Protein backbone atom coordinates (compact mmCIF):
# COMPACT_ATOMS: atom_id res chain seq x y z
CA UNK A 1 10.00 -75.79 3.04
CA UNK A 2 9.48 -72.37 4.67
CA UNK A 3 12.50 -71.03 2.35
CA UNK A 4 10.65 -71.83 -0.63
CA UNK A 5 7.17 -70.78 1.08
CA UNK A 6 9.20 -67.69 1.66
CA UNK A 7 10.25 -66.97 -1.58
CA UNK A 8 6.92 -67.69 -3.39
CA UNK A 9 5.18 -65.52 -0.95
CA UNK A 10 7.83 -62.45 -2.02
CA UNK A 11 7.30 -63.61 -6.15
CA UNK A 12 3.14 -62.71 -5.00
CA UNK A 13 3.98 -59.59 -3.02
CA UNK A 14 3.10 -56.60 -4.60
CA UNK A 15 5.98 -54.18 -4.74
CA UNK A 16 4.69 -51.66 -7.13
CA UNK A 17 3.22 -49.05 -4.43
CA UNK A 18 6.72 -49.13 -2.37
CA UNK A 19 8.80 -49.37 -5.37
CA UNK A 20 7.13 -45.97 -7.50
CA UNK A 21 7.22 -44.29 -4.17
CA UNK A 22 10.67 -44.93 -3.54
CA UNK A 23 11.68 -43.34 -6.94
CA UNK A 24 9.98 -40.50 -6.55
CA UNK A 25 11.36 -40.41 -2.95
CA UNK A 26 15.08 -40.43 -4.35
CA UNK A 27 14.12 -37.93 -6.91
CA UNK A 28 12.80 -35.62 -3.53
CA UNK A 29 15.47 -36.21 -1.83
CA UNK A 30 18.43 -35.47 -4.33
CA UNK A 31 16.13 -32.47 -5.00
CA UNK A 32 16.17 -31.43 -1.08
CA UNK A 33 20.18 -32.10 -0.93
CA UNK A 34 20.25 -29.66 -3.99
CA UNK A 35 17.69 -26.78 -2.59
CA UNK A 36 19.61 -27.03 0.92
CA UNK A 37 23.20 -27.53 -0.02
CA UNK A 38 24.45 -23.65 -0.10
CA UNK A 39 22.79 -22.45 2.66
CA UNK A 40 24.89 -21.18 5.69
CA UNK A 41 22.30 -22.85 8.44
CA UNK A 42 24.26 -26.12 9.30
CA UNK A 43 20.35 -27.25 10.37
CA UNK A 44 18.81 -26.95 6.91
CA UNK A 45 22.43 -28.68 4.99
CA UNK A 46 21.65 -31.83 7.06
CA UNK A 47 17.53 -32.08 6.09
CA UNK A 48 18.42 -34.73 3.32
CA UNK A 49 19.94 -36.78 6.12
CA UNK A 50 16.46 -36.47 8.30
CA UNK A 51 14.55 -37.23 5.41
CA UNK A 52 16.26 -40.67 4.32
CA UNK A 53 15.53 -41.73 8.19
CA UNK A 54 12.15 -40.77 8.12
CA UNK A 55 11.80 -42.33 4.82
CA UNK A 56 13.36 -45.96 5.93
CA UNK A 57 10.63 -45.35 9.29
CA UNK A 58 8.07 -45.16 6.81
CA UNK A 59 8.98 -48.06 5.07
CA UNK A 60 9.09 -50.12 8.31
CA UNK A 61 5.63 -49.07 8.81
CA UNK A 62 4.71 -49.21 5.86
CA UNK A 63 6.30 -52.79 5.06
CA UNK A 64 4.83 -53.88 8.29
CA UNK A 65 1.12 -52.73 7.95
CA UNK A 66 1.27 -54.36 4.26
CA UNK A 67 0.74 -58.13 6.34
CA UNK A 68 -1.95 -56.88 8.12
CA UNK A 69 -4.91 -58.47 6.11
CA UNK A 70 -7.65 -55.56 5.08
CA UNK A 71 -10.23 -57.10 7.44
CA UNK A 72 -8.41 -55.32 10.92
CA UNK A 73 -8.57 -52.05 9.13
CA UNK A 74 -12.22 -52.37 9.20
CA UNK A 75 -12.97 -53.44 12.54
CA UNK A 76 -10.64 -50.50 13.91
CA UNK A 77 -11.77 -48.10 11.64
CA UNK A 78 -13.83 -45.96 13.71
CA UNK A 79 -11.66 -47.03 16.80
CA UNK A 80 -8.87 -44.83 14.99
CA UNK A 81 -11.09 -42.10 13.73
CA UNK A 82 -12.24 -41.32 17.09
CA UNK A 83 -8.91 -41.80 18.62
CA UNK A 84 -7.59 -39.59 16.80
CA UNK A 85 -10.31 -36.75 16.98
CA UNK A 86 -9.42 -36.54 20.45
CA UNK A 87 -5.92 -35.96 19.39
CA UNK A 88 -7.09 -32.81 17.24
CA UNK A 89 -8.82 -31.65 20.35
CA UNK A 90 -5.87 -32.37 22.74
CA UNK A 91 -3.76 -30.53 19.96
CA UNK A 92 -5.90 -27.33 20.43
CA UNK A 93 -5.78 -27.18 24.11
CA UNK A 94 -1.84 -28.35 25.01
CA UNK A 95 -0.28 -28.68 21.15
CA UNK A 96 3.36 -27.01 20.32
CA UNK A 97 2.77 -23.41 19.05
CA UNK A 98 5.24 -23.27 16.00
CA UNK A 99 4.97 -20.69 12.95
CA UNK A 100 1.79 -18.93 14.53
CA UNK A 101 -0.19 -22.31 14.45
CA UNK A 102 -0.79 -24.94 17.14
CA UNK A 103 -0.41 -27.79 15.43
CA UNK A 104 1.97 -30.50 16.76
CA UNK A 105 1.79 -32.94 19.78
CA UNK A 106 4.45 -33.91 21.69
CA UNK A 107 5.12 -36.74 24.07
CA UNK A 108 8.75 -36.79 25.45
CA UNK A 109 11.06 -37.11 22.27
CA UNK A 110 7.77 -37.80 20.00
CA UNK A 111 6.46 -35.03 18.13
CA UNK A 112 3.62 -35.70 15.54
CA UNK A 113 0.89 -34.00 13.66
CA UNK A 114 -2.28 -35.04 14.44
CA UNK A 115 -4.24 -34.07 11.21
CA UNK A 116 -1.61 -35.56 9.18
CA UNK A 117 -3.20 -39.24 10.28
CA UNK A 118 -6.63 -37.89 10.15
CA UNK A 119 -6.75 -38.41 6.45
CA UNK A 120 -6.22 -42.02 6.65
CA UNK A 121 -8.38 -42.60 9.89
CA UNK A 122 -11.21 -40.35 8.20
CA UNK A 123 -10.89 -42.24 4.30
CA UNK A 124 -11.17 -45.72 6.78
CA UNK A 125 -14.00 -44.65 8.67
CA UNK A 126 -16.10 -43.42 5.35
CA UNK A 127 -14.98 -47.02 3.67
CA UNK A 128 -16.43 -48.76 6.85
CA UNK A 129 -19.30 -46.33 6.66
CA UNK A 130 -20.12 -47.44 3.02
CA UNK A 131 -19.42 -50.94 3.13
CA UNK A 132 -22.11 -51.35 5.99
CA UNK A 133 -24.75 -48.86 3.86
CA UNK A 134 -23.79 -50.64 0.66
CA UNK A 135 -26.12 -48.16 -1.36
CA UNK A 136 -26.57 -49.29 -4.82
CA UNK A 137 -28.23 -45.85 -6.03
CA UNK A 138 -26.97 -42.89 -6.84
CA UNK A 139 -26.61 -40.44 -3.46
CA UNK A 140 -28.81 -37.59 -2.73
CA UNK A 141 -28.40 -34.78 -0.25
CA UNK A 142 -29.84 -37.12 3.04
CA UNK A 143 -27.48 -39.84 1.82
CA UNK A 144 -24.49 -37.26 2.44
CA UNK A 145 -25.46 -36.15 5.96
CA UNK A 146 -23.00 -38.85 8.13
CA UNK A 147 -20.19 -38.91 5.66
CA UNK A 148 -20.27 -34.95 5.57
CA UNK A 149 -19.62 -35.25 9.52
CA UNK A 150 -16.73 -37.63 9.34
CA UNK A 151 -15.26 -34.88 7.48
CA UNK A 152 -16.51 -31.41 8.91
CA UNK A 153 -15.62 -32.15 12.78
CA UNK A 154 -11.98 -32.83 12.10
CA UNK A 155 -11.86 -30.36 9.09
CA UNK A 156 -12.94 -27.66 11.57
CA UNK A 157 -10.90 -28.79 14.25
CA UNK A 158 -7.84 -28.97 11.91
CA UNK A 159 -9.01 -25.34 10.10
CA UNK A 160 -9.02 -23.83 13.89
CA UNK A 161 -5.47 -24.80 14.45
CA UNK A 162 -5.11 -22.88 12.15
CA UNK A 163 -4.20 -25.27 9.22
CA UNK A 164 -6.53 -23.97 5.90
CA UNK A 165 -4.76 -26.45 3.95
CA UNK A 166 -5.10 -29.63 5.56
CA UNK A 167 -8.64 -28.54 6.47
CA UNK A 168 -9.79 -28.06 3.07
CA UNK A 169 -7.63 -30.78 2.33
CA UNK A 170 -9.83 -33.17 4.31
CA UNK A 171 -12.70 -31.71 2.61
CA UNK A 172 -11.88 -32.73 -0.81
CA UNK A 173 -11.12 -36.40 0.21
CA UNK A 174 -14.47 -36.89 1.28
CA UNK A 175 -15.91 -35.03 -1.65
CA UNK A 176 -13.72 -37.28 -4.01
CA UNK A 177 -15.06 -40.52 -1.90
CA UNK A 178 -18.70 -39.51 -2.32
CA UNK A 179 -18.33 -38.78 -5.79
CA UNK A 180 -16.71 -42.55 -6.25
CA UNK A 181 -19.79 -43.51 -4.74
CA UNK A 182 -22.29 -42.07 -7.25
CA UNK A 183 -23.98 -38.22 -6.72
CA UNK A 184 -26.92 -37.58 -8.39
CA UNK A 185 -26.36 -34.88 -10.93
CA UNK A 186 -28.77 -32.70 -8.97
CA UNK A 187 -26.93 -33.55 -5.69
CA UNK A 188 -24.06 -32.71 -7.66
CA UNK A 189 -25.33 -29.46 -8.63
CA UNK A 190 -26.36 -28.51 -5.14
CA UNK A 191 -23.31 -29.40 -3.19
CA UNK A 192 -21.40 -26.73 -5.98
CA UNK A 193 -23.59 -24.20 -4.90
CA UNK A 194 -23.11 -24.64 -1.08
CA UNK A 195 -19.86 -25.17 -2.09
CA UNK A 196 -19.61 -21.71 -3.40
CA UNK A 197 -21.58 -19.98 -0.85
CA UNK A 198 -19.45 -21.56 1.65
CA UNK A 199 -16.45 -20.36 0.39
CA UNK A 200 -17.76 -16.68 0.68
CA UNK A 201 -18.94 -17.12 4.02
CA UNK A 202 -15.78 -18.28 4.91
CA UNK A 203 -13.74 -15.59 3.36
CA UNK A 204 -15.45 -12.99 4.94
CA UNK A 205 -16.10 -14.32 8.45
CA UNK A 206 -13.62 -17.24 9.08
CA UNK A 207 -10.04 -16.63 7.39
CA UNK A 208 -7.64 -14.54 9.21
CA UNK A 209 -6.28 -11.59 7.26
CA UNK A 210 -3.23 -13.32 6.44
CA UNK A 211 -5.51 -15.91 4.87
CA UNK A 212 -7.20 -13.23 2.68
CA UNK A 213 -4.28 -11.70 1.55
CA UNK A 214 -2.88 -15.14 0.30
CA UNK A 215 -5.96 -15.00 -2.03
CA UNK A 216 -5.94 -11.75 -3.21
CA UNK A 217 -2.25 -11.71 -4.12
CA UNK A 218 -2.98 -15.00 -5.55
CA UNK A 219 -5.42 -12.96 -8.24
CA UNK A 220 -2.82 -10.30 -8.71
CA UNK A 221 0.94 -10.92 -6.95
CA UNK A 222 1.75 -7.81 -8.30
CA UNK A 223 -0.03 -5.94 -5.18
CA UNK A 224 2.21 -6.63 -3.01
CA UNK A 225 5.90 -7.69 -4.47
CA UNK A 226 8.12 -7.54 -1.14
CA UNK A 227 5.65 -8.83 0.98
CA UNK A 228 2.49 -11.87 0.42
CA UNK A 229 3.46 -11.67 -3.42
CA UNK A 230 7.00 -12.27 -2.86
CA UNK A 231 6.93 -16.21 -3.06
CA UNK A 232 4.58 -16.55 -6.22
CA UNK A 233 6.17 -14.47 -7.78
CA UNK A 234 9.95 -15.72 -7.34
CA UNK A 235 8.51 -19.41 -7.85
CA UNK A 236 7.17 -18.64 -11.41
CA UNK A 237 10.64 -16.84 -11.94
CA UNK A 238 12.30 -20.23 -11.07
CA UNK A 239 10.19 -22.09 -12.97
CA UNK A 240 10.49 -19.73 -15.71
CA UNK A 241 14.26 -19.67 -15.80
CA UNK A 242 14.38 -23.64 -16.00
CA UNK A 243 12.88 -23.96 -19.41
CA UNK A 244 13.29 -27.17 -21.01
CA UNK A 245 16.09 -29.16 -19.92
CA UNK A 246 16.56 -26.93 -16.67
CA UNK A 247 19.61 -25.28 -15.42
CA UNK A 248 21.68 -28.26 -13.68
CA UNK A 249 21.80 -30.29 -10.34
CA UNK A 250 22.78 -28.00 -7.50
CA UNK A 251 22.43 -24.84 -10.15
CA UNK A 252 19.30 -23.08 -8.92
CA UNK A 253 20.14 -19.38 -8.21
CA UNK A 254 16.52 -19.17 -6.44
CA UNK A 255 17.74 -21.35 -4.01
CA UNK A 256 21.44 -20.62 -3.77
CA UNK A 257 21.25 -17.00 -3.33
CA UNK A 258 17.86 -17.57 -1.02
CA UNK A 259 15.40 -15.40 -3.13
CA UNK A 260 12.75 -18.65 -2.33
CA UNK A 261 11.86 -19.46 1.14
CA UNK A 262 10.56 -22.55 2.35
CA UNK A 263 12.28 -24.03 -0.98
CA UNK A 264 12.59 -27.52 1.19
CA UNK A 265 9.08 -27.49 1.79
CA UNK A 266 6.11 -25.46 0.00
CA UNK A 267 8.17 -24.91 -2.98
CA UNK A 268 10.18 -27.89 -3.71
CA UNK A 269 9.10 -28.49 -6.88
CA UNK A 270 9.93 -24.78 -7.95
CA UNK A 271 13.56 -25.69 -7.25
CA UNK A 272 12.79 -29.04 -9.02
CA UNK A 273 11.91 -27.12 -12.73
CA UNK A 274 14.62 -24.43 -12.43
CA UNK A 275 17.11 -26.99 -12.11
CA UNK A 276 15.37 -29.82 -14.17
CA UNK A 277 12.88 -27.84 -16.78
CA UNK A 278 10.01 -28.62 -18.16
CA UNK A 279 11.67 -32.19 -19.19
CA UNK A 280 12.32 -33.25 -15.87
CA UNK A 281 8.88 -31.70 -14.26
CA UNK A 282 7.06 -34.27 -16.90
CA UNK A 283 8.81 -37.18 -15.72
CA UNK A 284 8.31 -36.63 -11.92
CA UNK A 285 4.57 -36.36 -12.88
CA UNK A 286 4.56 -38.87 -15.12
CA UNK A 287 5.64 -41.12 -12.01
CA UNK A 288 2.88 -39.63 -9.82
CA UNK A 289 0.39 -40.59 -12.51
CA UNK A 290 1.68 -44.23 -12.59
CA UNK A 291 1.28 -44.29 -8.94
CA UNK A 292 -2.25 -43.09 -9.01
CA UNK A 293 -3.21 -45.28 -11.72
CA UNK A 294 -1.88 -48.36 -9.78
CA UNK A 295 -4.41 -47.16 -6.47
CA UNK A 296 -7.38 -46.77 -9.14
CA UNK A 297 -6.84 -50.46 -10.71
CA UNK A 298 -6.78 -51.79 -7.27
CA UNK A 299 -9.92 -50.46 -6.63
CA UNK A 300 -11.36 -51.88 -9.94
CA UNK A 301 -9.58 -55.23 -8.89
CA UNK A 302 -11.36 -55.83 -5.81
CA UNK A 303 -14.73 -57.24 -4.78
CA UNK A 304 -14.92 -55.57 -1.25
CA UNK A 305 -16.43 -51.97 -1.25
CA UNK A 306 -14.83 -51.36 1.67
CA UNK A 307 -11.54 -51.91 0.19
CA UNK A 308 -12.46 -50.14 -3.24
CA UNK A 309 -13.36 -47.16 -1.44
CA UNK A 310 -10.13 -47.07 0.92
CA UNK A 311 -7.94 -47.42 -2.07
CA UNK A 312 -9.78 -44.52 -4.25
CA UNK A 313 -9.66 -42.28 -0.79
CA UNK A 314 -6.18 -42.92 -0.03
CA UNK A 315 -5.48 -42.36 -3.50
CA UNK A 316 -7.27 -38.87 -3.16
CA UNK A 317 -5.38 -37.99 -0.69
CA UNK A 318 -1.50 -37.98 -2.64
CA UNK A 319 -3.51 -36.66 -5.55
CA UNK A 320 -5.06 -33.31 -3.93
CA UNK A 321 -1.50 -32.86 -2.15
CA UNK A 322 0.34 -33.22 -5.63
CA UNK A 323 -2.27 -31.30 -7.47
CA UNK A 324 -2.44 -28.29 -4.87
CA UNK A 325 1.50 -28.02 -3.92
CA UNK A 326 2.37 -27.74 -7.63
CA UNK A 327 -0.81 -25.80 -8.68
CA UNK A 328 0.11 -23.15 -5.93
CA UNK A 329 4.30 -23.05 -7.19
CA UNK A 330 2.83 -22.28 -10.64
CA UNK A 331 0.59 -19.49 -9.41
CA UNK A 332 -3.19 -21.25 -10.57
CA UNK A 333 -4.01 -21.83 -6.87
CA UNK A 334 -3.64 -19.98 -3.98
CA UNK A 335 -0.43 -20.39 -1.61
CA UNK A 336 -1.52 -23.38 0.93
CA UNK A 337 0.83 -24.88 3.51
CA UNK A 338 0.80 -28.95 1.33
CA UNK A 339 3.84 -30.70 0.82
CA UNK A 340 4.50 -32.62 -2.61
CA UNK A 341 4.48 -36.31 -1.39
CA UNK A 342 7.82 -37.91 -1.21
CA UNK A 343 9.21 -34.35 -2.62
CA UNK A 344 9.11 -32.18 0.27
CA UNK A 345 10.55 -32.07 3.57
CA UNK A 346 8.58 -33.49 6.36
CA UNK A 347 8.41 -36.22 8.65
CA UNK A 348 4.92 -36.85 9.59
CA UNK A 349 3.83 -36.77 5.97
CA UNK A 350 6.17 -39.27 5.08
CA UNK A 351 4.45 -41.37 7.82
CA UNK A 352 1.17 -40.54 6.38
CA UNK A 353 2.10 -41.56 2.74
CA UNK A 354 3.84 -44.82 4.31
CA UNK A 355 0.84 -45.73 6.14
CA UNK A 356 -1.33 -45.30 2.99
CA UNK A 357 0.93 -47.60 0.51
CA UNK A 358 0.94 -50.34 3.64
CA UNK A 359 -2.84 -50.36 3.51
CA UNK A 360 -3.44 -50.42 -0.28
CA UNK A 361 -0.26 -52.89 -0.35
CA UNK A 362 -2.19 -55.12 2.15
CA UNK A 363 -5.28 -54.83 0.05
CA UNK A 364 -3.49 -55.74 -2.71
CA UNK A 365 -1.65 -58.64 -1.22
CA UNK A 366 -4.94 -59.83 0.31
CA UNK A 367 -5.75 -60.60 -3.46
CA UNK A 368 -2.98 -63.70 -3.51
CA UNK A 369 -1.46 -63.86 -0.50
CA UNK A 370 -3.03 -63.98 2.48
């Protein structure tokens, strides 16, 4: 009886989120091996093994989370959010320095980035807020005051680390959720104006010199070919040299001769384009589109506002990561440190995406499993 019940549960279990993400991960880890195989640095040669270990951990965590009923996420949303705010404050006070930023907390052998998990906890907090308010009307500016605070508080703490990319992503995810909950056209226009003015003020008063230089070299990389514009130029060379079908596996000259720095993290998509060309990039983008579609399908097929907002919010995390990373390596967006989901190397980001897939799988399973 127990075996038959288990088989029945497995037939009703939604494997789609983990299935699609695993296919993308396999493409990513093969690309990671190709990007680092020729380097003389031993620690880089073994990155693909660490990536596999992190992904297995993310699967274990994600699948475990998928068996938690969604009502428990609702109950714990504010607790997780406030707890992560505390971790962000601790990061600024006692976090570990790395590459000029204070982004990591270490407890013994455990080292992680609280900013990564803030993305998910903010979505849960926003979803609980909108579920409680349950607005049937279009949202005006007054309706956005509290939701905006959910994003601005952690966003400013993250930008102060400094991590402009993740801080801006927090804001984009919040906007995506609010947009999904329906904004008045007047509100949308006012927010656009406020956003443009804020961007100008931030550029003038808040950004550090190296961050400003990223923007100016984005507009014209040729102004600093050997400096801040170097990565952008080399990335576009890699993408362009891939042409339609690419040069082939392990044949990226930009990676092999180390012309393209950070080719295992920020610029992993550039290496993939060089080796697999436009055809390979189209295939990878199609897989991301299928994954995004599953999130949106789930959001439109659940009955509770909380679950619907969570699905859209978590999808927007993956979407903005993908859009910004691909945009920056192609030269249509400034360079910021956002990884390409499942393709760029990074343990904390893999855990974040694993937790996201676990939560939406839980929501999907709740329709016919719990």
